[in-house]
Amino acid sequence: MTLNPACLGNTYPPLTTTVTRDAIQNYARACNDDNPRYFDDHAAGEIVAPPMFAAVVTWLSVLTVMTDSELHADLLRLLHSAQAMEFLAPIRPGDSITSTAKIASIETHPGGESMALELVARNDRGDLVNRSVFTSFIRGRRSSAPPVDSKAEATNDRGAPLVTVAQTIDLDQTSRYAAASGDLNPIHVDANVAKMAGLPGIIVHGLCTMAFTAKVIVDQLCAGDPARLKALAVRFSRPVFPGDTITTRVWPSPDCDEHRFASDRRSSVDPNGLRSADRDRLRTYSYETRNPDGLAVIRDGFAEISP
């Protein structure tokens, strides 16, 4: 059964998540992120959540859309294909974050369909804390293997990377991430279910892989200050597996406009966005992440940080 096009434009009711210190720290540990800003009150005045924790406080909204019986989404054949996020205000223990979701697009492609969700999250003070676009690909019935982006292996001509970091995915990473994030999709924790879905075995959550790359950006380019990371966008081009060592390479890209959704939409969508003068001061970077075979698992990576 295909996605129901009548659901295009549907907006779902707001859902609220109360943020706790334990939830923040469990998420950081699940992403192998030991940044003191997430654990030590004295590191920078108060504990804040990792930027990618925004995925936790919006997850109930994603799940509400995906389980809408009128949408007809086959969750076993669904793969996360892309994610774009704006980090507009820190998330702290004690915050109540309310998120909403809207189905922004439903498209047909060779081998399946794609769907994009627009997610907006605000704290209990009314501040906009995050905007995200969550894009998924639902494989057709005749497609047993996950889609592979043929552009992913193109040789780049960006020269030597500014940053190169290798990180190893733990064998229990997916179970820890599932518990900390609330994403309990069995393809990430049950090898039998993953194989039933046409996968070779358990695969790592796309948002977990993205969180690993966010750590690279924060540690290497933001001097460990997560508040300096303003936007992150990626395309997931191949699955990552427990035990893999992934390598992220980052290049400066001051003229990159491909993913400037953060800059383009703030002034017209929400008054809490950055002023034009503030946006002009942001630094942009491109990046990619490859698996042990040298094949891209993340491409078109984009990061926007403040000085």
Protein backbone atom coordinates (compact mmCIF):
# COMPACT_ATOMS: atom_id res chain seq x y z
CA MET A 1 0.00 0.00 0.00
CA THR A 2 1.37 3.41 -0.97
CA LEU A 3 1.36 6.57 1.13
CA ASN A 4 -1.97 8.35 1.13
CA PRO A 5 -1.52 11.64 -0.79
CA ALA A 6 -4.61 13.02 0.95
CA CYS A 7 -2.45 13.35 4.08
CA LEU A 8 -0.17 15.91 2.43
CA GLY A 9 -0.32 19.12 4.47
CA ASN A 10 -1.73 17.42 7.56
CA THR A 11 -0.73 19.17 10.79
CA TYR A 12 -0.69 17.15 14.00
CA PRO A 13 -1.55 18.27 17.54
CA PRO A 14 1.22 19.63 19.78
CA LEU A 15 2.95 17.17 22.09
CA THR A 16 4.97 18.11 25.17
CA THR A 17 8.09 16.49 26.62
CA THR A 18 9.56 17.43 30.00
CA VAL A 19 13.35 17.51 29.89
CA THR A 20 15.31 16.01 32.77
CA ARG A 21 18.99 16.00 33.61
CA ASP A 22 18.98 12.19 33.41
CA ALA A 23 17.42 12.24 29.93
CA ILE A 24 20.06 14.70 28.68
CA GLN A 25 22.94 12.72 30.12
CA ASN A 26 21.60 9.35 29.01
CA TYR A 27 21.33 10.69 25.47
CA ALA A 28 24.87 12.07 25.56
CA ARG A 29 26.20 8.71 26.80
CA ALA A 30 24.21 6.89 24.11
CA CYS A 31 26.09 8.98 21.53
CA ASN A 32 29.49 8.46 23.22
CA ASP A 33 29.60 12.19 23.91
CA ASP A 34 31.47 13.13 27.10
CA ASN A 35 31.35 16.93 26.64
CA PRO A 36 31.43 18.48 30.16
CA ARG A 37 28.67 20.93 29.13
CA TYR A 38 26.24 18.02 29.35
CA PHE A 39 27.43 16.71 32.72
CA ASP A 40 29.17 19.38 34.81
CA ASP A 41 27.24 22.36 36.22
CA HIS A 42 30.50 24.22 36.63
CA ALA A 43 31.75 23.70 33.06
CA ALA A 44 29.83 26.69 31.69
CA GLY A 45 27.43 27.80 34.38
CA GLU A 46 24.69 25.23 33.79
CA ILE A 47 24.04 21.95 32.02
CA VAL A 48 22.61 22.07 28.50
CA ALA A 49 21.47 19.29 26.20
CA PRO A 50 23.51 18.15 23.19
CA PRO A 51 22.17 19.92 20.09
CA MET A 52 20.90 16.62 18.68
CA PHE A 53 18.75 16.12 21.79
CA ALA A 54 16.22 18.12 19.79
CA ALA A 55 15.53 14.83 18.03
CA VAL A 56 14.34 13.38 21.35
CA VAL A 57 11.87 16.16 22.16
CA THR A 58 10.38 16.00 18.66
CA TRP A 59 10.32 12.21 18.38
CA LEU A 60 6.76 11.79 19.68
CA SER A 61 5.59 14.07 16.88
CA VAL A 62 7.47 11.98 14.30
CA LEU A 63 6.00 8.78 15.74
CA THR A 64 2.49 10.24 15.73
CA VAL A 65 2.74 10.95 12.00
CA MET A 66 4.32 7.60 11.12
CA THR A 67 1.63 5.64 12.98
CA ASP A 68 -1.29 7.60 11.54
CA SER A 69 -3.49 4.81 10.17
CA GLU A 70 -4.70 7.03 7.34
CA LEU A 71 -1.15 7.62 6.09
CA HIS A 72 -0.43 3.93 5.32
CA ALA A 73 3.30 4.14 6.13
CA ASP A 74 5.00 0.71 6.16
CA LEU A 75 7.43 1.17 9.05
CA LEU A 76 9.40 -1.99 8.27
CA ARG A 77 10.24 -0.61 4.84
CA LEU A 78 10.93 2.92 6.04
CA LEU A 79 14.46 4.32 6.15
CA HIS A 80 15.57 7.75 7.32
CA SER A 81 17.09 9.40 4.24
CA ALA A 82 17.85 12.99 5.29
CA GLN A 83 17.69 15.38 8.23
CA ALA A 84 18.04 19.15 8.48
CA MET A 85 18.02 20.93 11.85
CA GLU A 86 18.21 24.50 13.16
CA PHE A 87 19.33 24.95 16.77
CA LEU A 88 17.82 28.25 17.87
CA ALA A 89 18.01 28.11 21.68
CA PRO A 90 19.58 25.74 24.23
CA ILE A 91 17.49 22.99 25.81
CA ARG A 92 18.00 22.69 29.56
CA PRO A 93 16.85 20.43 32.41
CA GLY A 94 13.38 21.42 33.55
CA ASP A 95 12.27 22.71 30.16
CA SER A 96 8.91 21.62 28.81
CA ILE A 97 9.28 21.36 25.05
CA THR A 98 6.20 21.32 22.84
CA SER A 99 6.58 20.06 19.28
CA THR A 100 4.31 20.03 16.25
CA ALA A 101 4.58 18.15 12.97
CA LYS A 102 3.35 18.79 9.44
CA ILE A 103 3.59 16.53 6.38
CA ALA A 104 5.37 18.87 3.97
CA SER A 105 5.80 16.54 1.00
CA ILE A 106 4.96 13.09 -0.35
CA GLU A 107 6.76 12.10 -3.55
CA THR A 108 7.08 8.99 -5.71
CA HIS A 109 10.53 7.78 -6.80
CA PRO A 110 11.94 4.73 -8.57
CA GLY A 111 11.90 2.00 -5.95
CA GLY A 112 9.64 3.72 -3.46
CA GLU A 113 8.30 6.96 -2.00
CA SER A 114 9.65 9.78 0.14
CA MET A 115 7.98 11.91 2.76
CA ALA A 116 9.23 15.06 4.50
CA LEU A 117 8.00 16.18 7.91
CA GLU A 118 8.44 19.71 9.19
CA LEU A 119 8.95 19.78 12.95
CA VAL A 120 8.84 22.84 15.20
CA ALA A 121 9.72 22.84 18.91
CA ARG A 122 9.24 25.58 21.54
CA ASN A 123 9.99 25.72 25.24
CA ASP A 124 7.51 26.70 27.95
CA ARG A 125 8.65 30.33 27.69
CA GLY A 126 7.50 30.39 24.07
CA ASP A 127 11.02 30.46 22.64
CA LEU A 128 11.60 28.60 19.41
CA VAL A 129 14.32 26.04 20.20
CA ASN A 130 14.42 23.89 17.07
CA ARG A 131 13.17 23.56 13.53
CA SER A 132 13.77 20.30 11.67
CA VAL A 133 12.93 18.59 8.42
CA PHE A 134 12.82 14.80 8.77
CA THR A 135 12.83 13.00 5.40
CA SER A 136 12.15 9.29 5.05
CA PHE A 137 12.18 6.84 2.15
CA ILE A 138 9.69 3.99 2.06
CA ARG A 139 10.98 1.18 -0.12
CA GLY A 140 8.59 -0.37 -2.62
CA ARG A 141 7.47 -3.97 -2.20
CA ARG A 142 9.86 -5.17 -4.91
CA SER A 143 12.86 -3.43 -3.35
CA SER A 144 14.61 -5.61 -0.78
CA ALA A 145 17.87 -3.69 -0.38
CA PRO A 146 18.19 -0.20 1.12
CA PRO A 147 18.68 2.54 -1.47
CA VAL A 148 22.26 3.57 -2.17
CA ASP A 149 22.98 7.09 -3.38
CA SER A 150 25.07 6.78 -6.52
CA LYS A 151 26.43 10.29 -6.01
CA ALA A 152 27.96 9.29 -2.70
CA GLU A 153 31.16 7.91 -4.22
CA ALA A 154 31.95 10.88 -6.42
CA THR A 155 35.49 12.10 -5.81
CA ASN A 156 35.43 15.53 -4.19
CA ASP A 157 37.83 18.29 -5.21
CA ARG A 158 37.69 20.27 -1.98
CA GLY A 159 41.33 19.67 -1.15
CA ALA A 160 42.68 18.58 2.21
CA PRO A 161 40.02 18.54 4.94
CA LEU A 162 40.22 20.96 7.82
CA VAL A 163 39.23 18.19 10.25
CA THR A 164 39.40 14.40 10.07
CA VAL A 165 38.01 12.33 12.95
CA ALA A 166 37.48 8.56 13.22
CA GLN A 167 34.86 7.21 15.64
CA THR A 168 33.90 3.62 16.42
CA ILE A 169 30.27 2.56 16.80
CA ASP A 170 29.95 0.28 19.82
CA LEU A 171 28.36 -3.13 19.45
CA ASP A 172 25.59 -2.12 21.88
CA GLN A 173 25.21 1.40 20.44
CA THR A 174 21.81 0.85 18.88
CA SER A 175 20.22 -0.55 22.04
CA ARG A 176 21.57 2.34 24.11
CA TYR A 177 20.48 4.90 21.54
CA ALA A 178 17.01 3.35 21.26
CA ALA A 179 16.50 3.58 25.03
CA ALA A 180 17.79 7.17 25.26
CA SER A 181 16.02 8.54 22.18
CA GLY A 182 12.70 6.69 22.27
CA ASP A 183 13.24 5.38 18.72
CA LEU A 184 12.43 1.71 19.27
CA ASN A 185 12.14 0.69 15.62
CA PRO A 186 13.11 -3.00 15.77
CA ILE A 187 15.37 -2.83 12.68
CA HIS A 188 17.87 -1.14 15.03
CA VAL A 189 17.80 -3.73 17.81
CA ASP A 190 16.52 -7.05 16.44
CA ALA A 191 18.57 -8.79 13.74
CA ASN A 192 15.67 -11.06 12.73
CA VAL A 193 13.32 -8.13 12.17
CA ALA A 194 16.04 -6.24 10.28
CA LYS A 195 16.46 -9.21 7.94
CA MET A 196 12.70 -9.47 7.49
CA ALA A 197 12.84 -5.83 6.35
CA GLY A 198 15.44 -6.75 3.70
CA LEU A 199 18.46 -5.47 5.60
CA PRO A 200 21.65 -7.50 6.18
CA GLY A 201 21.31 -7.03 9.93
CA ILE A 202 20.82 -4.42 12.64
CA ILE A 203 21.58 -0.90 11.39
CA VAL A 204 22.47 2.18 13.39
CA HIS A 205 19.86 4.90 13.75
CA GLY A 206 20.52 7.66 11.25
CA LEU A 207 20.13 10.26 13.98
CA CYS A 208 22.71 8.43 16.09
CA THR A 209 25.21 8.62 13.22
CA MET A 210 24.32 12.29 12.80
CA ALA A 211 24.88 12.85 16.54
CA PHE A 212 28.38 11.37 16.17
CA THR A 213 29.10 13.94 13.45
CA ALA A 214 27.59 16.72 15.56
CA LYS A 215 30.11 15.82 18.26
CA VAL A 216 32.90 16.22 15.70
CA ILE A 217 31.65 19.69 14.75
CA VAL A 218 31.17 20.85 18.36
CA ASP A 219 34.48 19.45 19.62
CA GLN A 220 36.64 20.49 16.68
CA LEU A 221 35.06 23.71 15.39
CA CYS A 222 33.05 25.12 18.31
CA ALA A 223 35.72 24.73 21.03
CA GLY A 224 33.37 22.35 22.81
CA ASP A 225 30.56 24.92 23.07
CA PRO A 226 27.33 23.31 21.77
CA ALA A 227 25.53 26.67 21.71
CA ARG A 228 27.72 27.73 18.77
CA LEU A 229 26.25 25.03 16.49
CA LYS A 230 23.34 26.72 14.72
CA ALA A 231 22.40 24.29 11.95
CA LEU A 232 23.21 20.80 10.72
CA ALA A 233 21.96 18.97 7.64
CA VAL A 234 22.85 15.57 6.17
CA ARG A 235 21.81 12.96 3.64
CA PHE A 236 22.09 9.34 4.77
CA SER A 237 23.54 7.48 1.78
CA ARG A 238 24.31 4.05 3.28
CA PRO A 239 23.51 2.15 6.48
CA VAL A 240 26.00 2.10 9.35
CA PHE A 241 26.41 -1.10 11.35
CA PRO A 242 27.39 -1.75 14.98
CA GLY A 243 31.16 -2.16 15.21
CA ASP A 244 31.87 0.11 12.23
CA THR A 245 34.52 2.80 12.46
CA ILE A 246 33.26 5.88 10.66
CA THR A 247 35.48 8.75 9.53
CA THR A 248 34.19 12.30 9.20
CA ARG A 249 36.03 14.90 7.12
CA VAL A 250 35.13 18.58 7.28
CA TRP A 251 35.92 21.43 4.86
CA PRO A 252 35.29 25.17 5.19
CA SER A 253 32.65 26.36 2.74
CA PRO A 254 32.07 30.08 3.20
CA ASP A 255 30.10 30.36 -0.03
CA CYS A 256 27.93 27.26 0.50
CA ASP A 257 24.22 28.07 0.10
CA GLU A 258 22.81 24.60 -0.61
CA HIS A 259 21.45 24.03 2.89
CA ARG A 260 20.94 27.57 4.11
CA PHE A 261 17.36 26.74 5.08
CA ALA A 262 18.15 28.30 8.45
CA SER A 263 19.02 31.67 6.93
CA ASP A 264 16.39 31.67 4.22
CA ARG A 265 13.38 30.90 6.44
CA ARG A 266 13.98 32.64 9.75
CA SER A 267 12.91 36.16 8.81
CA SER A 268 9.73 35.05 7.04
CA VAL A 269 8.68 32.23 9.37
CA ASP A 270 9.42 33.25 12.93
CA PRO A 271 10.44 36.41 14.76
CA ASN A 272 12.74 34.40 17.05
CA GLY A 273 15.18 33.79 14.18
CA LEU A 274 18.51 35.51 13.77
CA ARG A 275 18.74 38.99 12.29
CA SER A 276 20.37 39.34 8.89
CA ALA A 277 23.47 40.85 10.47
CA ASP A 278 23.78 37.84 12.79
CA ARG A 279 23.38 35.40 9.90
CA ASP A 280 26.17 37.11 7.99
CA ARG A 281 28.56 36.27 10.82
CA LEU A 282 27.86 32.52 10.74
CA ARG A 283 30.55 30.23 9.38
CA THR A 284 29.60 27.35 7.13
CA TYR A 285 31.27 23.98 6.62
CA SER A 286 30.65 20.96 4.42
CA TYR A 287 31.40 17.41 5.48
CA GLU A 288 31.07 13.75 4.65
CA THR A 289 31.31 10.55 6.68
CA ARG A 290 32.60 7.24 5.34
CA ASN A 291 32.53 3.63 6.55
CA PRO A 292 35.54 1.26 6.90
CA ASP A 293 35.32 0.44 3.16
CA GLY A 294 35.67 4.11 2.27
CA LEU A 295 32.05 4.36 1.12
CA ALA A 296 29.98 7.39 2.08
CA VAL A 297 27.36 6.89 4.77
CA ILE A 298 26.68 10.63 5.09
CA ARG A 299 27.03 13.02 2.19
CA ASP A 300 26.10 16.65 1.61
CA GLY A 301 26.82 17.28 5.27
CA PHE A 302 26.43 20.94 6.17
CA ALA A 303 27.16 22.76 9.43
CA GLU A 304 26.57 26.37 10.38
CA ILE A 305 28.29 27.75 13.49
CA SER A 306 28.65 31.10 15.20
CA PRO A 307 32.09 32.61 15.80
